[in-house]
C-alpha atoms as a PDB file:
ATOM      1  CA  MET A   1     -11.922 -11.759 -48.081  1.00  0.00           C
ATOM      2  CA  LYS A   2     -14.079 -10.133 -45.401  1.00  0.00           C
ATOM      3  CA  ILE A   3     -12.660 -12.547 -42.829  1.00  0.00           C
ATOM      4  CA  ASP A   4      -9.098 -11.343 -43.523  1.00  0.00           C
ATOM      5  CA  LYS A   5     -10.158  -7.716 -42.991  1.00  0.00           C
ATOM      6  CA  LEU A   6     -11.878  -8.619 -39.742  1.00  0.00           C
ATOM      7  CA  ARG A   7      -8.787 -10.485 -38.511  1.00  0.00           C
ATOM      8  CA  ARG A   8      -6.563  -7.493 -39.310  1.00  0.00           C
ATOM      9  CA  LYS A   9      -8.955  -5.187 -37.471  1.00  0.00           C
ATOM     10  CA  ALA A  10      -9.024  -7.561 -34.508  1.00  0.00           C
ATOM     11  CA  VAL A  11      -5.229  -7.252 -34.254  1.00  0.00           C
ATOM     12  CA  VAL A  12      -4.770  -3.589 -35.232  1.00  0.00           C
ATOM     13  CA  ILE A  13      -7.430  -2.028 -32.978  1.00  0.00           C
ATOM     14  CA  PRO A  14      -6.208  -3.639 -29.699  1.00  0.00           C
ATOM     15  CA  THR A  15      -2.604  -2.802 -30.658  1.00  0.00           C
ATOM     16  CA  ILE A  16      -3.501   0.868 -31.150  1.00  0.00           C
ATOM     17  CA  ALA A  17      -5.349   0.891 -27.811  1.00  0.00           C
ATOM     18  CA  VAL A  18      -2.329  -0.571 -25.986  1.00  0.00           C
ATOM     19  CA  LEU A  19       0.031   1.961 -27.591  1.00  0.00           C
ATOM     20  CA  ALA A  20      -2.309   4.835 -26.688  1.00  0.00           C
ATOM     21  CA  LEU A  21      -2.532   3.713 -23.062  1.00  0.00           C
ATOM     22  CA  GLY A  22       1.244   3.358 -22.909  1.00  0.00           C
ATOM     23  CA  GLY A  23       1.648   6.919 -24.186  1.00  0.00           C
ATOM     24  CA  VAL A  24      -0.775   8.267 -21.580  1.00  0.00           C
ATOM     25  CA  GLY A  25       0.995   6.349 -18.816  1.00  0.00           C
ATOM     26  CA  ALA A  26       4.388   7.708 -19.867  1.00  0.00           C
ATOM     27  CA  THR A  27       2.989  11.238 -19.956  1.00  0.00           C
ATOM     28  CA  VAL A  28       1.491  10.904 -16.466  1.00  0.00           C
ATOM     29  CA  TRP A  29       4.725   9.394 -15.141  1.00  0.00           C
ATOM     30  CA  SER A  30       6.871  12.166 -16.583  1.00  0.00           C
ATOM     31  CA  ALA A  31       4.514  14.852 -15.237  1.00  0.00           C
ATOM     32  CA  THR A  32       4.573  13.448 -11.712  1.00  0.00           C
ATOM     33  CA  ALA A  33       8.280  12.685 -11.801  1.00  0.00           C
ATOM     34  CA  GLN A  34       9.144  16.370 -12.143  1.00  0.00           C
ATOM     35  CA  ASP A  35       6.833  17.633  -9.385  1.00  0.00           C
ATOM     36  CA  ASP A  36       8.915  16.715  -6.361  1.00  0.00           C
ATOM     37  CA  VAL A  37      11.948  18.715  -5.324  1.00  0.00           C
ATOM     38  CA  THR A  38      13.773  16.891  -2.542  1.00  0.00           C
ATOM     39  CA  GLY A  39      16.863  16.964  -0.358  1.00  0.00           C
ATOM     40  CA  ALA A  40      19.338  19.821  -0.504  1.00  0.00           C
ATOM     41  CA  ASP A  41      17.630  21.272  -3.604  1.00  0.00           C
ATOM     42  CA  ARG A  42      14.326  21.489  -1.720  1.00  0.00           C
ATOM     43  CA  ASP A  43      16.025  23.180   1.241  1.00  0.00           C
ATOM     44  CA  ARG A  44      17.758  25.719  -1.023  1.00  0.00           C
ATOM     45  CA  VAL A  45      14.599  26.543  -3.011  1.00  0.00           C
ATOM     46  CA  ALA A  46      12.418  26.636   0.122  1.00  0.00           C
ATOM     47  CA  ALA A  47      14.808  29.039   1.871  1.00  0.00           C
ATOM     48  CA  ALA A  48      14.759  31.431  -1.097  1.00  0.00           C
ATOM     49  CA  ALA A  49      10.954  31.383  -1.244  1.00  0.00           C
ATOM     50  CA  VAL A  50      10.537  31.875   2.516  1.00  0.00           C
ATOM     51  CA  GLU A  51      12.924  34.838   2.396  1.00  0.00           C
ATOM     52  CA  ALA A  52      10.990  36.343  -0.531  1.00  0.00           C
ATOM     53  CA  ALA A  53       7.691  35.891   1.344  1.00  0.00           C
ATOM     54  CA  GLY A  54       9.071  37.580   4.444  1.00  0.00           C
ATOM     55  CA  GLY A  55       9.162  34.485   6.655  1.00  0.00           C
ATOM     56  CA  GLY A  56       7.066  31.416   7.281  1.00  0.00           C
ATOM     57  CA  GLU A  57       7.445  27.786   6.216  1.00  0.00           C
ATOM     58  CA  ALA A  58       7.612  26.263   2.733  1.00  0.00           C
ATOM     59  CA  VAL A  59       4.865  23.628   2.660  1.00  0.00           C
ATOM     60  CA  ASP A  60       5.004  22.683  -1.024  1.00  0.00           C
ATOM     61  CA  VAL A  61       8.033  22.863  -3.337  1.00  0.00           C
ATOM     62  CA  GLU A  62       7.589  21.798  -6.960  1.00  0.00           C
ATOM     63  CA  SER A  63       9.541  22.102 -10.154  1.00  0.00           C
ATOM     64  CA  SER A  64       7.806  23.952 -12.978  1.00  0.00           C
ATOM     65  CA  ASP A  65       7.589  23.315 -16.695  1.00  0.00           C
ATOM     66  CA  ASP A  66       6.531  26.900 -17.478  1.00  0.00           C
ATOM     67  CA  PRO A  67       9.036  28.747 -19.699  1.00  0.00           C
ATOM     68  CA  GLY A  68      11.532  30.758 -17.643  1.00  0.00           C
ATOM     69  CA  GLN A  69      10.135  29.434 -14.349  1.00  0.00           C
ATOM     70  CA  ALA A  70      11.969  26.668 -12.492  1.00  0.00           C
ATOM     71  CA  TYR A  71      10.112  26.356  -9.174  1.00  0.00           C
ATOM     72  CA  GLU A  72       6.706  26.960  -7.588  1.00  0.00           C
ATOM     73  CA  VAL A  73       6.672  27.207  -3.792  1.00  0.00           C
ATOM     74  CA  GLU A  74       3.760  27.576  -1.369  1.00  0.00           C
ATOM     75  CA  VAL A  75       4.813  29.378   1.824  1.00  0.00           C
ATOM     76  CA  ARG A  76       2.634  29.424   4.961  1.00  0.00           C
ATOM     77  CA  LYS A  77       3.198  32.562   7.017  1.00  0.00           C
ATOM     78  CA  ASP A  78       3.038  32.575  10.826  1.00  0.00           C
ATOM     79  CA  ASP A  79      -0.472  34.081  10.723  1.00  0.00           C
ATOM     80  CA  GLY A  80      -1.764  31.148   8.648  1.00  0.00           C
ATOM     81  CA  THR A  81      -1.944  32.985   5.317  1.00  0.00           C
ATOM     82  CA  GLU A  82      -0.246  31.439   2.316  1.00  0.00           C
ATOM     83  CA  VAL A  83       1.913  32.975  -0.395  1.00  0.00           C
ATOM     84  CA  ASP A  84       2.715  31.372  -3.770  1.00  0.00           C
ATOM     85  CA  VAL A  85       6.266  32.187  -4.890  1.00  0.00           C
ATOM     86  CA  GLU A  86       7.596  31.458  -8.383  1.00  0.00           C
ATOM     87  CA  LEU A  87      11.374  31.297  -8.867  1.00  0.00           C
ATOM     88  CA  ASP A  88      13.718  30.959 -11.827  1.00  0.00           C
ATOM     89  CA  GLU A  89      16.665  28.525 -12.000  1.00  0.00           C
ATOM     90  CA  ASP A  90      18.931  31.032 -10.159  1.00  0.00           C
ATOM     91  CA  LEU A  91      16.278  31.411  -7.403  1.00  0.00           C
ATOM     92  CA  ASN A  92      15.325  34.917  -8.484  1.00  0.00           C
ATOM     93  CA  VAL A  93      11.720  35.740  -7.620  1.00  0.00           C
ATOM     94  CA  LEU A  94       9.536  35.910 -10.730  1.00  0.00           C
ATOM     95  CA  SER A  95       6.290  36.506  -8.874  1.00  0.00           C
ATOM     96  CA  GLN A  96       4.648  36.110  -5.526  1.00  0.00           C
ATOM     97  CA  GLU A  97       0.970  36.171  -4.773  1.00  0.00           C
ATOM     98  CA  ALA A  98      -0.958  35.850  -1.538  1.00  0.00           C
ATOM     99  CA  ASP A  99      -3.630  33.150  -1.646  1.00  0.00           C
ATOM    100  CA  ASP A 100      -7.089  34.447  -0.857  1.00  0.00           C
ATOM    101  CA  ALA A 101     -10.100  32.431   0.252  1.00  0.00           C
ATOM    102  CA  ASP A 102     -11.309  31.967  -3.347  1.00  0.00           C
ATOM    103  CA  ASP A 103      -7.957  30.512  -4.479  1.00  0.00           C
ATOM    104  CA  ALA A 104      -7.866  28.043  -1.602  1.00  0.00           C
ATOM    105  CA  ASP A 105     -11.051  26.362  -2.857  1.00  0.00           C
ATOM    106  CA  ASP A 106     -10.364  25.172  -6.402  1.00  0.00           C
ATOM    107  CA  SER A 107     -12.767  22.244  -6.514  1.00  0.00           C
ATOM    108  CA  ASP A 108     -15.339  22.151  -9.295  1.00  0.00           C
ATOM    109  CA  ASP A 109     -18.297  20.390  -7.732  1.00  0.00           C
ATOM    110  CA  ALA A 110     -21.691  22.081  -7.380  1.00  0.00           C
ATOM    111  CA  ALA A 111     -21.607  22.341  -3.571  1.00  0.00           C
ATOM    112  CA  ASP A 112     -18.280  24.162  -3.681  1.00  0.00           C
ATOM    113  CA  ASP A 113     -19.613  26.475  -6.401  1.00  0.00           C
ATOM    114  CA  ARG A 114     -22.484  27.410  -4.080  1.00  0.00           C
ATOM    115  CA  ASP A 115     -19.957  28.030  -1.281  1.00  0.00           C
ATOM    116  CA  ASP A 116     -17.824  30.185  -3.598  1.00  0.00           C
ATOM    117  CA  ALA A 117     -20.843  32.321  -4.442  1.00  0.00           C
ATOM    118  CA  THR A 118     -21.319  33.133  -0.760  1.00  0.00           C
ATOM    119  CA  ASP A 119     -17.626  33.411   0.262  1.00  0.00           C
ATOM    120  CA  ASP A 120     -17.913  37.107   1.067  1.00  0.00           C
ATOM    121  CA  ALA A 121     -20.862  36.600   3.403  1.00  0.00           C
ATOM    122  CA  THR A 122     -20.061  33.244   5.050  1.00  0.00           C
ATOM    123  CA  PRO A 123     -16.630  31.686   4.559  1.00  0.00           C
ATOM    124  CA  ASP A 124     -16.261  27.893   4.340  1.00  0.00           C
ATOM    125  CA  ALA A 125     -14.955  26.127   7.436  1.00  0.00           C
ATOM    126  CA  ASP A 126     -11.790  25.221   5.504  1.00  0.00           C
ATOM    127  CA  ASP A 127     -11.046  28.942   4.979  1.00  0.00           C
ATOM    128  CA  ARG A 128     -10.752  29.464   8.730  1.00  0.00           C
ATOM    129  CA  VAL A 129      -7.282  30.379  10.013  1.00  0.00           C
ATOM    130  CA  LEU A 130      -6.194  27.932  12.710  1.00  0.00           C
ATOM    131  CA  SER A 131      -4.771  29.085  16.016  1.00  0.00           C
ATOM    132  CA  GLU A 132      -1.199  28.105  16.823  1.00  0.00           C
ATOM    133  CA  GLU A 133      -2.508  25.713  19.505  1.00  0.00           C
ATOM    134  CA  GLU A 134      -4.903  24.029  17.043  1.00  0.00           C
ATOM    135  CA  ARG A 135      -2.153  23.700  14.442  1.00  0.00           C
ATOM    136  CA  ARG A 136       0.337  22.250  16.965  1.00  0.00           C
ATOM    137  CA  SER A 137      -2.199  19.742  18.372  1.00  0.00           C
ATOM    138  CA  ALA A 138      -3.260  18.621  14.887  1.00  0.00           C
ATOM    139  CA  GLU A 139       0.383  18.204  13.816  1.00  0.00           C
ATOM    140  CA  GLU A 140       1.199  16.101  16.907  1.00  0.00           C
ATOM    141  CA  ALA A 141      -1.844  13.862  16.432  1.00  0.00           C
ATOM    142  CA  ALA A 142      -1.113  13.312  12.744  1.00  0.00           C
ATOM    143  CA  LEU A 143       2.579  12.576  13.316  1.00  0.00           C
ATOM    144  CA  ASP A 144       1.649  10.061  16.026  1.00  0.00           C
ATOM    145  CA  ALA A 145      -0.850   8.425  13.646  1.00  0.00           C
ATOM    146  CA  VAL A 146       1.738   7.754  10.920  1.00  0.00           C
ATOM    147  CA  GLY A 147       4.771   7.223  13.155  1.00  0.00           C
ATOM    148  CA  GLY A 148       6.621  10.492  12.526  1.00  0.00           C
ATOM    149  CA  GLY A 149       7.616  12.450   9.458  1.00  0.00           C
ATOM    150  CA  THR A 150       7.186  16.052   8.344  1.00  0.00           C
ATOM    151  CA  VAL A 151       3.902  17.928   8.383  1.00  0.00           C
ATOM    152  CA  GLN A 152       3.337  19.533   4.992  1.00  0.00           C
ATOM    153  CA  GLN A 153       0.004  21.244   5.648  1.00  0.00           C
ATOM    154  CA  VAL A 154      -2.709  21.600   8.301  1.00  0.00           C
ATOM    155  CA  GLU A 155      -6.169  22.903   7.403  1.00  0.00           C
ATOM    156  CA  ALA A 156      -9.593  23.183   8.914  1.00  0.00           C
ATOM    157  CA  SER A 157     -11.975  20.725   7.260  1.00  0.00           C
ATOM    158  CA  ASP A 158     -15.419  21.535   5.908  1.00  0.00           C
ATOM    159  CA  ASP A 159     -16.428  17.858   5.684  1.00  0.00           C
ATOM    160  CA  ALA A 160     -19.127  16.720   8.123  1.00  0.00           C
ATOM    161  CA  GLY A 161     -17.661  15.174  11.270  1.00  0.00           C
ATOM    162  CA  GLU A 162     -14.100  16.223  10.441  1.00  0.00           C
ATOM    163  CA  ALA A 163     -12.366  19.205  12.030  1.00  0.00           C
ATOM    164  CA  TYR A 164      -8.818  19.074  10.615  1.00  0.00           C
ATOM    165  CA  GLU A 165      -6.999  17.733   7.568  1.00  0.00           C
ATOM    166  CA  VAL A 166      -3.252  17.163   7.876  1.00  0.00           C
ATOM    167  CA  ASP A 167      -0.810  16.240   5.084  1.00  0.00           C
ATOM    168  CA  VAL A 168       2.280  14.373   6.345  1.00  0.00           C
ATOM    169  CA  ARG A 169       5.326  13.097   4.458  1.00  0.00           C
ATOM    170  CA  ALA A 170       7.007  10.112   6.134  1.00  0.00           C
ATOM    171  CA  ASP A 171       9.665   7.872   4.567  1.00  0.00           C
ATOM    172  CA  ASP A 172       8.860   9.102   1.028  1.00  0.00           C
ATOM    173  CA  VAL A 173       5.153   8.377   1.557  1.00  0.00           C
ATOM    174  CA  ASP A 174       2.483  11.094   1.617  1.00  0.00           C
ATOM    175  CA  TRP A 175      -0.333  10.646   4.148  1.00  0.00           C
ATOM    176  CA  ASP A 176      -3.688  12.409   4.450  1.00  0.00           C
ATOM    177  CA  VAL A 177      -4.800  12.346   8.091  1.00  0.00           C
ATOM    178  CA  THR A 178      -8.248  13.556   9.169  1.00  0.00           C
ATOM    179  CA  LEU A 179      -8.986  14.465  12.773  1.00  0.00           C
ATOM    180  CA  ASP A 180     -12.077  15.296  14.772  1.00  0.00           C
ATOM    181  CA  ALA A 181     -12.455  18.394  16.974  1.00  0.00           C
ATOM    182  CA  ASP A 182     -10.724  16.557  19.865  1.00  0.00           C
ATOM    183  CA  PHE A 183      -7.720  15.720  17.624  1.00  0.00           C
ATOM    184  CA  GLN A 184      -8.664  12.049  17.451  1.00  0.00           C
ATOM    185  CA  VAL A 185      -7.702  10.309  14.202  1.00  0.00           C
ATOM    186  CA  LEU A 186     -10.701   9.598  11.978  1.00  0.00           C
ATOM    187  CA  SER A 187      -8.686   8.273   9.044  1.00  0.00           C
ATOM    188  CA  LYS A 188      -5.199   8.075   7.598  1.00  0.00           C
ATOM    189  CA  THR A 189      -4.761   7.436   3.909  1.00  0.00           C
ATOM    190  CA  ARG A 190      -1.682   6.994   1.755  1.00  0.00           C
ATOM    191  CA  ASP A 191      -1.788   9.685  -0.884  1.00  0.00           C
END
């Protein structure tokens, strides 16, 4: 009789594990499937957010699952500052908030926590606003590295030996490109 119970457990437990993993996978897939706004919809949403922010470039356009909110857009202004704009389905502005240095660093590791504690006295290298020349040179180097595309974001890096981090979207593939101070490619990684 004990053998029958063990056999049932040997079948039931793995079956439950497989079903649980399938549920998690479906949840992750559905969460990532709604994040990208593309094509004409992206252009329309980006234009509304840029207008609300008073100019700049939309670097990240995502759909939202928050009640009453349809889109979340990150706009980079010409001076390098960033503004988060939340829009409803009719592209009415629900809120807009300028990112400050503390918001830009949302990592949880201990080294970043130490950096956050001293942000007022000594900002991290990745909080530095890039000059237009630095931004342009980093964009050109990154686009050359991946064979073209659209630059989504350029930031100063605070990692040792790296000067710039560039996010590029090319042919529906996201790339993370790291550059040194001379704009030489250190790495390019599919994201």
